[in-house]
Structure formats: C-alpha cells, structure tokens
Amino acid sequence: MRILEKSTFLAEHWAQHAFEALKITFTLASVLVHAHPTKPYILEMNALDFVVGAILSYYSIDNQFYPIAIYSWKFTAIEIN
C-alpha cells in the first residue's frame, strides 16, 4: 500500500482483497450480547507476565459461544514486581 496524497491510498490487489475479507469477518462476527439468566456461564481467562484477559460467555442451544463481557488489563511496573 502506498500513500499518494494526504488521504488517498493505492492498494495492491492482495491488500484490497485482505481488507474486504476482514471487513466481512468483523461485520459477521459475534458481538457482545446480554446475559441469558437460564444459560450456564463460561469464564475463560489467560495471563502472561504483564497482562491478564478474560471473556465471560454463555453456550447457546445452537452450539455457539456468545460473549457477554471482555476484560483485559496490562500490569503496571509495580504490579509486575
């Protein structure tokens, strides 16, 4: 991708194809939903040396996970020590 002017881009064919694929994926992907009180909740967590993340979801009857909340936190220098 090359910048021709301040706000104009000339994208190579592969870059345009990748952008269109990402645009479709992001618009079709699950978004956060309201909690369903009768469904069991699933909490997925992951932590590394300096960051922690979690996703709260529920598993629907159509065999799909629906995210209710997403959380991430980058530790400060004091929290790392």
Protein backbone atom coordinates (compact mmCIF):
# COMPACT_ATOMS: atom_id res chain seq x y z
CA MET A 1 0.00 0.00 0.00
CA ARG A 2 1.43 3.37 -0.98
CA ILE A 3 0.33 6.81 0.15
CA LEU A 4 -0.21 9.02 -2.90
CA GLU A 5 -1.71 12.04 -1.18
CA LYS A 6 -2.67 13.05 2.29
CA SER A 7 -5.82 10.87 2.38
CA THR A 8 -5.63 8.70 -0.76
CA PHE A 9 -4.24 5.16 -0.78
CA LEU A 10 -3.40 2.93 -3.71
CA ALA A 11 -3.83 -0.64 -2.51
CA GLU A 12 -2.35 -3.62 -4.27
CA HIS A 13 -4.88 -6.28 -5.32
CA TRP A 14 -3.93 -8.63 -2.46
CA ALA A 15 -4.22 -5.83 0.10
CA GLN A 16 -7.67 -4.84 -1.12
CA HIS A 17 -8.78 -8.49 -1.03
CA ALA A 18 -7.46 -8.87 2.54
CA PHE A 19 -9.23 -5.68 3.61
CA GLU A 20 -12.55 -6.85 2.14
CA ALA A 21 -12.18 -10.25 3.85
CA LEU A 22 -11.51 -8.57 7.21
CA LYS A 23 -14.44 -6.22 6.75
CA ILE A 24 -16.79 -9.16 6.16
CA THR A 25 -15.34 -11.12 9.08
CA PHE A 26 -15.70 -8.22 11.51
CA THR A 27 -19.28 -7.46 10.48
CA LEU A 28 -20.36 -11.10 10.76
CA ALA A 29 -18.50 -11.90 13.98
CA SER A 30 -20.22 -12.23 17.31
CA VAL A 31 -20.65 -9.06 19.28
CA LEU A 32 -21.35 -8.70 22.96
CA VAL A 33 -24.82 -9.85 23.93
CA HIS A 34 -26.96 -9.52 27.03
CA ALA A 35 -26.60 -12.21 29.66
CA HIS A 36 -29.13 -15.03 29.44
CA PRO A 37 -30.13 -15.89 33.02
CA THR A 38 -31.07 -19.51 32.30
CA LYS A 39 -27.86 -20.46 30.47
CA PRO A 40 -24.67 -21.60 32.19
CA TYR A 41 -21.83 -19.09 32.01
CA ILE A 42 -18.30 -19.85 30.82
CA LEU A 43 -15.33 -17.83 32.11
CA GLU A 44 -12.14 -18.08 30.06
CA MET A 45 -9.01 -16.46 31.47
CA ASN A 46 -5.42 -16.09 30.35
CA ALA A 47 -2.46 -14.38 31.98
CA LEU A 48 1.09 -13.67 30.93
CA ASP A 49 3.93 -11.93 32.72
CA PHE A 50 2.45 -8.46 32.25
CA VAL A 51 -1.17 -8.82 31.14
CA VAL A 52 -4.36 -10.67 32.03
CA GLY A 53 -7.51 -11.16 29.98
CA ALA A 54 -10.90 -12.78 30.46
CA ILE A 55 -14.06 -13.45 28.44
CA LEU A 56 -17.42 -14.22 30.01
CA SER A 57 -19.70 -16.11 27.61
CA TYR A 58 -22.61 -18.47 27.51
CA TYR A 59 -23.06 -21.55 25.35
CA SER A 60 -26.26 -21.42 23.34
CA ILE A 61 -28.52 -24.16 22.05
CA ASP A 62 -27.14 -23.55 18.54
CA ASN A 63 -23.68 -24.71 19.74
CA GLN A 64 -22.20 -21.21 19.64
CA PHE A 65 -20.41 -19.21 22.31
CA TYR A 66 -21.87 -15.74 22.83
CA PRO A 67 -19.56 -13.29 24.62
CA ILE A 68 -21.18 -11.22 27.35
CA ALA A 69 -18.14 -9.31 28.60
CA ILE A 70 -14.46 -8.95 27.72
CA TYR A 71 -11.81 -7.73 30.14
CA SER A 72 -8.09 -7.09 29.75
CA TRP A 73 -5.56 -5.44 32.00
CA LYS A 74 -1.91 -4.53 31.47
CA PHE A 75 0.01 -4.62 34.73
CA THR A 76 1.91 -1.59 35.91
CA ALA A 77 5.60 -1.85 36.79
CA ILE A 78 4.70 -2.12 40.48
CA GLU A 79 2.19 -4.92 39.82
CA ILE A 80 4.74 -6.89 37.77
CA ASN A 81 7.19 -6.93 40.68
